[in-house]
Amino acid sequence: MRLDKFLKVSRIIKRRTVANEACDSGRAQINGRQAKAGAQVKEGDKVTLFFGDKKFSFKILQVNESVKKQDCADMYEVLDDEV
């Protein structure tokens, strides 16, 4: 699954266009490497997002094409949430 789509499906970022812009502006990393919106993610990947001074890291636990709102938190595990 594409990184921008995962961010939207898991509801980490609400809109796919915003997720796409965040990835393409260099604010996303997969396993410590810079990632574009079209980068493929899989279970076990560590993703880090940078928003201003804030850093948000999480590990992907499952990749689903669509999930219910109450189940989206089961798709990832928060590793680090720094300000």
PDB file of N, CA and C in Angstrom:
ATOM      1  N   MET A   1       0.849  -1.170   0.000  1.00  0.00           N
ATOM      2  CA  MET A   1       0.000   0.000   0.000  1.00  0.00           C
ATOM      3  C   MET A   1       0.899   1.239   0.000  1.00  0.00           C
ATOM      4  N   ARG A   2       0.451   2.263  -0.687  1.00  0.00           N
ATOM      5  CA  ARG A   2       1.191   3.527  -0.728  1.00  0.00           C
ATOM      6  C   ARG A   2       1.186   4.198   0.641  1.00  0.00           C
ATOM      7  N   LEU A   3       2.251   4.935   0.944  1.00  0.00           N
ATOM      8  CA  LEU A   3       2.374   5.608   2.230  1.00  0.00           C
ATOM      9  C   LEU A   3       1.264   6.619   2.445  1.00  0.00           C
ATOM     10  N   ASP A   4       0.955   7.443   1.439  1.00  0.00           N
ATOM     11  CA  ASP A   4      -0.088   8.453   1.621  1.00  0.00           C
ATOM     12  C   ASP A   4      -1.456   7.818   1.859  1.00  0.00           C
ATOM     13  N   LYS A   5      -1.731   6.708   1.194  1.00  0.00           N
ATOM     14  CA  LYS A   5      -3.007   6.021   1.408  1.00  0.00           C
ATOM     15  C   LYS A   5      -3.068   5.404   2.802  1.00  0.00           C
ATOM     16  N   PHE A   6      -1.955   4.833   3.274  1.00  0.00           N
ATOM     17  CA  PHE A   6      -1.937   4.276   4.629  1.00  0.00           C
ATOM     18  C   PHE A   6      -2.202   5.363   5.671  1.00  0.00           C
ATOM     19  N   LEU A   7      -1.590   6.526   5.498  1.00  0.00           N
ATOM     20  CA  LEU A   7      -1.786   7.614   6.452  1.00  0.00           C
ATOM     21  C   LEU A   7      -3.243   8.048   6.499  1.00  0.00           C
ATOM     22  N   LYS A   8      -3.932   8.011   5.364  1.00  0.00           N
ATOM     23  CA  LYS A   8      -5.337   8.384   5.330  1.00  0.00           C
ATOM     24  C   LYS A   8      -6.223   7.282   5.899  1.00  0.00           C
ATOM     25  N   VAL A   9      -6.008   6.031   5.493  1.00  0.00           N
ATOM     26  CA  VAL A   9      -6.838   4.917   5.960  1.00  0.00           C
ATOM     27  C   VAL A   9      -6.709   4.742   7.468  1.00  0.00           C
ATOM     28  N   SER A  10      -5.499   4.915   8.001  1.00  0.00           N
ATOM     29  CA  SER A  10      -5.286   4.757   9.439  1.00  0.00           C
ATOM     30  C   SER A  10      -5.698   6.004  10.224  1.00  0.00           C
ATOM     31  N   ARG A  11      -6.103   7.035   9.511  1.00  0.00           N
ATOM     32  CA  ARG A  11      -6.560   8.293  10.095  1.00  0.00           C
ATOM     33  C   ARG A  11      -5.481   9.021  10.899  1.00  0.00           C
ATOM     34  N   ILE A  12      -4.228   8.821  10.529  1.00  0.00           N
ATOM     35  CA  ILE A  12      -3.142   9.608  11.109  1.00  0.00           C
ATOM     36  C   ILE A  12      -3.206  11.009  10.518  1.00  0.00           C
ATOM     37  N   ILE A  13      -3.465  11.075   9.207  1.00  0.00           N
ATOM     38  CA  ILE A  13      -3.727  12.338   8.517  1.00  0.00           C
ATOM     39  C   ILE A  13      -5.091  12.191   7.865  1.00  0.00           C
ATOM     40  N   LYS A  14      -5.955  13.194   8.021  1.00  0.00           N
ATOM     41  CA  LYS A  14      -7.356  13.052   7.614  1.00  0.00           C
ATOM     42  C   LYS A  14      -7.583  13.032   6.103  1.00  0.00           C
ATOM     43  N   ARG A  15      -6.771  13.751   5.351  1.00  0.00           N
ATOM     44  CA  ARG A  15      -6.996  13.838   3.905  1.00  0.00           C
ATOM     45  C   ARG A  15      -5.786  13.301   3.152  1.00  0.00           C
ATOM     46  N   ARG A  16      -6.049  12.590   2.073  1.00  0.00           N
ATOM     47  CA  ARG A  16      -4.958  11.994   1.300  1.00  0.00           C
ATOM     48  C   ARG A  16      -4.110  13.057   0.620  1.00  0.00           C
ATOM     49  N   THR A  17      -4.712  14.144   0.191  1.00  0.00           N
ATOM     50  CA  THR A  17      -3.918  15.204  -0.450  1.00  0.00           C
ATOM     51  C   THR A  17      -2.952  15.833   0.545  1.00  0.00           C
ATOM     52  N   VAL A  18      -3.377  15.992   1.788  1.00  0.00           N
ATOM     53  CA  VAL A  18      -2.493  16.532   2.829  1.00  0.00           C
ATOM     54  C   VAL A  18      -1.371  15.535   3.110  1.00  0.00           C
ATOM     55  N   ALA A  19      -1.707  14.247   3.163  1.00  0.00           N
ATOM     56  CA  ALA A  19      -0.697  13.206   3.369  1.00  0.00           C
ATOM     57  C   ALA A  19       0.296  13.197   2.214  1.00  0.00           C
ATOM     58  N   ASN A  20      -0.195  13.351   0.990  1.00  0.00           N
ATOM     59  CA  ASN A  20       0.652  13.388  -0.198  1.00  0.00           C
ATOM     60  C   ASN A  20       1.625  14.559  -0.133  1.00  0.00           C
ATOM     61  N   GLU A  21       1.130  15.743   0.232  1.00  0.00           N
ATOM     62  CA  GLU A  21       1.978  16.928   0.332  1.00  0.00           C
ATOM     63  C   GLU A  21       3.021  16.775   1.436  1.00  0.00           C
ATOM     64  N   ALA A  22       2.631  16.202   2.571  1.00  0.00           N
ATOM     65  CA  ALA A  22       3.569  16.004   3.678  1.00  0.00           C
ATOM     66  C   ALA A  22       4.704  15.063   3.259  1.00  0.00           C
ATOM     67  N   CYS A  23       4.366  14.004   2.569  1.00  0.00           N
ATOM     68  CA  CYS A  23       5.378  13.039   2.124  1.00  0.00           C
ATOM     69  C   CYS A  23       6.305  13.643   1.075  1.00  0.00           C
ATOM     70  N   ASP A  24       5.743  14.313   0.085  1.00  0.00           N
ATOM     71  CA  ASP A  24       6.538  14.837  -1.012  1.00  0.00           C
ATOM     72  C   ASP A  24       7.376  16.054  -0.630  1.00  0.00           C
ATOM     73  N   SER A  25       7.069  16.688   0.509  1.00  0.00           N
ATOM     74  CA  SER A  25       7.870  17.826   0.948  1.00  0.00           C
ATOM     75  C   SER A  25       9.017  17.386   1.854  1.00  0.00           C
ATOM     76  N   GLY A  26       9.224  16.081   1.982  1.00  0.00           N
ATOM     77  CA  GLY A  26      10.366  15.574   2.730  1.00  0.00           C
ATOM     78  C   GLY A  26      10.140  15.427   4.217  1.00  0.00           C
ATOM     79  N   ARG A  27       8.899  15.360   4.647  1.00  0.00           N
ATOM     80  CA  ARG A  27       8.605  15.243   6.075  1.00  0.00           C
ATOM     81  C   ARG A  27       8.241  13.830   6.501  1.00  0.00           C
ATOM     82  N   ALA A  28       8.559  12.832   5.678  1.00  0.00           N
ATOM     83  CA  ALA A  28       8.234  11.444   6.015  1.00  0.00           C
ATOM     84  C   ALA A  28       9.452  10.552   5.792  1.00  0.00           C
ATOM     85  N   GLN A  29       9.630   9.605   6.701  1.00  0.00           N
ATOM     86  CA  GLN A  29      10.693   8.624   6.577  1.00  0.00           C
ATOM     87  C   GLN A  29      10.118   7.234   6.840  1.00  0.00           C
ATOM     88  N   ILE A  30      10.627   6.254   6.101  1.00  0.00           N
ATOM     89  CA  ILE A  30      10.291   4.856   6.346  1.00  0.00           C
ATOM     90  C   ILE A  30      11.591   4.150   6.689  1.00  0.00           C
ATOM     91  N   ASN A  31      11.648   3.552   7.864  1.00  0.00           N
ATOM     92  CA  ASN A  31      12.846   2.853   8.345  1.00  0.00           C
ATOM     93  C   ASN A  31      14.098   3.724   8.247  1.00  0.00           C
ATOM     94  N   GLY A  32      13.960   5.013   8.581  1.00  0.00           N
ATOM     95  CA  GLY A  32      15.095   5.927   8.601  1.00  0.00           C
ATOM     96  C   GLY A  32      15.498   6.506   7.263  1.00  0.00           C
ATOM     97  N   ARG A  33      14.778   6.173   6.197  1.00  0.00           N
ATOM     98  CA  ARG A  33      15.096   6.697   4.859  1.00  0.00           C
ATOM     99  C   ARG A  33      13.975   7.599   4.383  1.00  0.00           C
ATOM    100  N   GLN A  34      14.344   8.672   3.696  1.00  0.00           N
ATOM    101  CA  GLN A  34      13.373   9.615   3.152  1.00  0.00           C
ATOM    102  C   GLN A  34      12.385   8.883   2.259  1.00  0.00           C
ATOM    103  N   ALA A  35      11.092   9.240   2.365  1.00  0.00           N
ATOM    104  CA  ALA A  35      10.068   8.527   1.597  1.00  0.00           C
ATOM    105  C   ALA A  35       9.134   9.499   0.895  1.00  0.00           C
ATOM    106  N   LYS A  36       8.778   9.164  -0.316  1.00  0.00           N
ATOM    107  CA  LYS A  36       7.782   9.908  -1.078  1.00  0.00           C
ATOM    108  C   LYS A  36       6.404   9.285  -0.846  1.00  0.00           C
ATOM    109  N   ALA A  37       5.364   9.946  -1.331  1.00  0.00           N
ATOM    110  CA  ALA A  37       3.993   9.486  -1.119  1.00  0.00           C
ATOM    111  C   ALA A  37       3.735   8.111  -1.737  1.00  0.00           C
ATOM    112  N   GLY A  38       4.391   7.791  -2.824  1.00  0.00           N
ATOM    113  CA  GLY A  38       4.167   6.524  -3.508  1.00  0.00           C
ATOM    114  C   GLY A  38       4.971   5.357  -2.971  1.00  0.00           C
ATOM    115  N   ALA A  39       5.763   5.589  -1.934  1.00  0.00           N
ATOM    116  CA  ALA A  39       6.566   4.509  -1.357  1.00  0.00           C
ATOM    117  C   ALA A  39       5.651   3.440  -0.772  1.00  0.00           C
ATOM    118  N   GLN A  40       6.013   2.197  -0.988  1.00  0.00           N
ATOM    119  CA  GLN A  40       5.212   1.076  -0.494  1.00  0.00           C
ATOM    120  C   GLN A  40       5.544   0.796   0.970  1.00  0.00           C
ATOM    121  N   VAL A  41       4.503   0.607   1.781  1.00  0.00           N
ATOM    122  CA  VAL A  41       4.694   0.257   3.190  1.00  0.00           C
ATOM    123  C   VAL A  41       4.182  -1.167   3.412  1.00  0.00           C
ATOM    124  N   LYS A  42       4.755  -1.822   4.415  1.00  0.00           N
ATOM    125  CA  LYS A  42       4.336  -3.176   4.763  1.00  0.00           C
ATOM    126  C   LYS A  42       4.370  -3.309   6.280  1.00  0.00           C
ATOM    127  N   GLU A  43       3.835  -4.382   6.775  1.00  0.00           N
ATOM    128  CA  GLU A  43       3.815  -4.615   8.208  1.00  0.00           C
ATOM    129  C   GLU A  43       5.236  -4.676   8.746  1.00  0.00           C
ATOM    130  N   GLY A  44       5.467  -4.029   9.883  1.00  0.00           N
ATOM    131  CA  GLY A  44       6.790  -4.008  10.498  1.00  0.00           C
ATOM    132  C   GLY A  44       7.606  -2.779  10.174  1.00  0.00           C
ATOM    133  N   ASP A  45       7.187  -1.974   9.199  1.00  0.00           N
ATOM    134  CA  ASP A  45       7.912  -0.749   8.860  1.00  0.00           C
ATOM    135  C   ASP A  45       7.757   0.284   9.968  1.00  0.00           C
ATOM    136  N   LYS A  46       8.828   1.055  10.198  1.00  0.00           N
ATOM    137  CA  LYS A  46       8.791   2.157  11.152  1.00  0.00           C
ATOM    138  C   LYS A  46       8.702   3.452  10.343  1.00  0.00           C
ATOM    139  N   VAL A  47       7.669   4.234  10.587  1.00  0.00           N
ATOM    140  CA  VAL A  47       7.432   5.478   9.854  1.00  0.00           C
ATOM    141  C   VAL A  47       7.592   6.645  10.813  1.00  0.00           C
ATOM    142  N   THR A  48       8.283   7.694  10.359  1.00  0.00           N
ATOM    143  CA  THR A  48       8.458   8.907  11.150  1.00  0.00           C
ATOM    144  C   THR A  48       7.955  10.085  10.333  1.00  0.00           C
ATOM    145  N   LEU A  49       7.119  10.906  10.952  1.00  0.00           N
ATOM    146  CA  LEU A  49       6.598  12.115  10.328  1.00  0.00           C
ATOM    147  C   LEU A  49       7.083  13.329  11.108  1.00  0.00           C
ATOM    148  N   PHE A  50       7.437  14.403  10.386  1.00  0.00           N
ATOM    149  CA  PHE A  50       7.893  15.638  11.006  1.00  0.00           C
ATOM    150  C   PHE A  50       6.923  16.757  10.659  1.00  0.00           C
ATOM    151  N   PHE A  51       6.411  17.426  11.691  1.00  0.00           N
ATOM    152  CA  PHE A  51       5.515  18.568  11.513  1.00  0.00           C
ATOM    153  C   PHE A  51       6.056  19.705  12.356  1.00  0.00           C
ATOM    154  N   GLY A  52       6.758  20.649  11.722  1.00  0.00           N
ATOM    155  CA  GLY A  52       7.364  21.746  12.476  1.00  0.00           C
ATOM    156  C   GLY A  52       8.395  21.191  13.442  1.00  0.00           C
ATOM    157  N   ASP A  53       8.222  21.448  14.738  1.00  0.00           N
ATOM    158  CA  ASP A  53       9.138  20.940  15.758  1.00  0.00           C
ATOM    159  C   ASP A  53       8.717  19.583  16.289  1.00  0.00           C
ATOM    160  N   LYS A  54       7.594  19.074  15.821  1.00  0.00           N
ATOM    161  CA  LYS A  54       7.041  17.826  16.341  1.00  0.00           C
ATOM    162  C   LYS A  54       7.484  16.634  15.496  1.00  0.00           C
ATOM    163  N   LYS A  55       7.780  15.527  16.185  1.00  0.00           N
ATOM    164  CA  LYS A  55       8.183  14.284  15.524  1.00  0.00           C
ATOM    165  C   LYS A  55       7.237  13.184  15.996  1.00  0.00           C
ATOM    166  N   PHE A  56       6.657  12.439  15.045  1.00  0.00           N
ATOM    167  CA  PHE A  56       5.709  11.377  15.361  1.00  0.00           C
ATOM    168  C   PHE A  56       6.185  10.095  14.694  1.00  0.00           C
ATOM    169  N   SER A  57       6.527   9.086  15.501  1.00  0.00           N
ATOM    170  CA  SER A  57       7.007   7.805  14.975  1.00  0.00           C
ATOM    171  C   SER A  57       6.035   6.698  15.345  1.00  0.00           C
ATOM    172  N   PHE A  58       5.830   5.785  14.416  1.00  0.00           N
ATOM    173  CA  PHE A  58       4.956   4.654  14.678  1.00  0.00           C
ATOM    174  C   PHE A  58       5.412   3.443  13.867  1.00  0.00           C
ATOM    175  N   LYS A  59       4.988   2.273  14.334  1.00  0.00           N
ATOM    176  CA  LYS A  59       5.290   1.018  13.656  1.00  0.00           C
ATOM    177  C   LYS A  59       3.999   0.485  13.054  1.00  0.00           C
ATOM    178  N   ILE A  60       4.052   0.048  11.811  1.00  0.00           N
ATOM    179  CA  ILE A  60       2.873  -0.470  11.131  1.00  0.00           C
ATOM    180  C   ILE A  60       2.632  -1.911  11.574  1.00  0.00           C
ATOM    181  N   LEU A  61       1.457  -2.168  12.115  1.00  0.00           N
ATOM    182  CA  LEU A  61       1.100  -3.501  12.585  1.00  0.00           C
ATOM    183  C   LEU A  61       0.301  -4.287  11.555  1.00  0.00           C
ATOM    184  N   GLN A  62      -0.561  -3.596  10.801  1.00  0.00           N
ATOM    185  CA  GLN A  62      -1.336  -4.254   9.754  1.00  0.00           C
ATOM    186  C   GLN A  62      -1.664  -3.265   8.649  1.00  0.00           C
ATOM    187  N   VAL A  63      -1.781  -3.784   7.446  1.00  0.00           N
ATOM    188  CA  VAL A  63      -2.092  -2.972   6.277  1.00  0.00           C
ATOM    189  C   VAL A  63      -3.414  -3.464   5.711  1.00  0.00           C
ATOM    190  N   ASN A  64      -4.448  -2.621   5.818  1.00  0.00           N
ATOM    191  CA  ASN A  64      -5.776  -2.951   5.299  1.00  0.00           C
ATOM    192  C   ASN A  64      -6.222  -1.850   4.348  1.00  0.00           C
ATOM    193  N   GLU A  65      -6.931  -2.224   3.293  1.00  0.00           N
ATOM    194  CA  GLU A  65      -7.414  -1.246   2.321  1.00  0.00           C
ATOM    195  C   GLU A  65      -8.475  -0.326   2.905  1.00  0.00           C
ATOM    196  N   SER A  66      -9.306  -0.860   3.795  1.00  0.00           N
ATOM    197  CA  SER A  66     -10.317  -0.034   4.446  1.00  0.00           C
ATOM    198  C   SER A  66     -10.614  -0.620   5.821  1.00  0.00           C
ATOM    199  N   VAL A  67     -10.853   0.258   6.774  1.00  0.00           N
ATOM    200  CA  VAL A  67     -11.165  -0.171   8.137  1.00  0.00           C
ATOM    201  C   VAL A  67     -12.236   0.738   8.709  1.00  0.00           C
ATOM    202  N   LYS A  68     -12.911   0.240   9.715  1.00  0.00           N
ATOM    203  CA  LYS A  68     -13.891   1.062  10.411  1.00  0.00           C
ATOM    204  C   LYS A  68     -13.167   2.030  11.323  1.00  0.00           C
ATOM    205  N   LYS A  69     -13.826   3.109  11.670  1.00  0.00           N
ATOM    206  CA  LYS A  69     -13.216   4.160  12.467  1.00  0.00           C
ATOM    207  C   LYS A  69     -12.666   3.635  13.788  1.00  0.00           C
ATOM    208  N   GLN A  70     -13.398   2.762  14.453  1.00  0.00           N
ATOM    209  CA  GLN A  70     -12.963   2.264  15.755  1.00  0.00           C
ATOM    210  C   GLN A  70     -11.796   1.286  15.653  1.00  0.00           C
ATOM    211  N   ASP A  71     -11.535   0.738  14.464  1.00  0.00           N
ATOM    212  CA  ASP A  71     -10.460  -0.233  14.286  1.00  0.00           C
ATOM    213  C   ASP A  71      -9.171   0.364  13.726  1.00  0.00           C
ATOM    214  N   CYS A  72      -9.176   1.645  13.357  1.00  0.00           N
ATOM    215  CA  CYS A  72      -8.004   2.221  12.701  1.00  0.00           C
ATOM    216  C   CYS A  72      -6.799   2.320  13.639  1.00  0.00           C
ATOM    217  N   ALA A  73      -7.010   2.448  14.942  1.00  0.00           N
ATOM    218  CA  ALA A  73      -5.888   2.533  15.880  1.00  0.00           C
ATOM    219  C   ALA A  73      -5.137   1.211  15.993  1.00  0.00           C
ATOM    220  N   ASP A  74      -5.751   0.112  15.563  1.00  0.00           N
ATOM    221  CA  ASP A  74      -5.085  -1.190  15.606  1.00  0.00           C
ATOM    222  C   ASP A  74      -4.100  -1.377  14.453  1.00  0.00           C
ATOM    223  N   MET A  75      -4.067  -0.445  13.511  1.00  0.00           N
ATOM    224  CA  MET A  75      -3.188  -0.573  12.356  1.00  0.00           C
ATOM    225  C   MET A  75      -1.749  -0.171  12.663  1.00  0.00           C
ATOM    226  N   TYR A  76      -1.523   0.577  13.747  1.00  0.00           N
ATOM    227  CA  TYR A  76      -0.181   1.047  14.064  1.00  0.00           C
ATOM    228  C   TYR A  76       0.019   1.134  15.574  1.00  0.00           C
ATOM    229  N   GLU A  77       1.284   1.188  15.966  1.00  0.00           N
ATOM    230  CA  GLU A  77       1.671   1.333  17.370  1.00  0.00           C
ATOM    231  C   GLU A  77       2.557   2.568  17.474  1.00  0.00           C
ATOM    232  N   VAL A  78       2.189   3.510  18.328  1.00  0.00           N
ATOM    233  CA  VAL A  78       2.965   4.730  18.501  1.00  0.00           C
ATOM    234  C   VAL A  78       4.260   4.404  19.226  1.00  0.00           C
ATOM    235  N   LEU A  79       5.384   4.807  18.633  1.00  0.00           N
ATOM    236  CA  LEU A  79       6.690   4.578  19.234  1.00  0.00           C
ATOM    237  C   LEU A  79       7.204   5.831  19.929  1.00  0.00           C
ATOM    238  N   ASP A  80       7.000   6.986  19.299  1.00  0.00           N
ATOM    239  CA  ASP A  80       7.567   8.221  19.816  1.00  0.00           C
ATOM    240  C   ASP A  80       6.702   9.393  19.379  1.00  0.00           C
ATOM    241  N   ASP A  81       6.387  10.257  20.313  1.00  0.00           N
ATOM    242  CA  ASP A  81       5.566  11.445  20.011  1.00  0.00           C
ATOM    243  C   ASP A  81       6.176  12.627  20.739  1.00  0.00           C
ATOM    244  N   GLU A  82       7.169  13.259  20.100  1.00  0.00           N
ATOM    245  CA  GLU A  82       7.921  14.357  20.722  1.00  0.00           C
ATOM    246  C   GLU A  82       7.444  15.713  20.245  1.00  0.00           C
ATOM    247  N   VAL A  83       7.589  16.666  21.125  1.00  0.00           N
ATOM    248  CA  VAL A  83       7.290  18.060  20.769  1.00  0.00           C
ATOM    249  C   VAL A  83       8.583  18.802  20.643  1.00  0.00           C
TER     250      VAL A  83
END
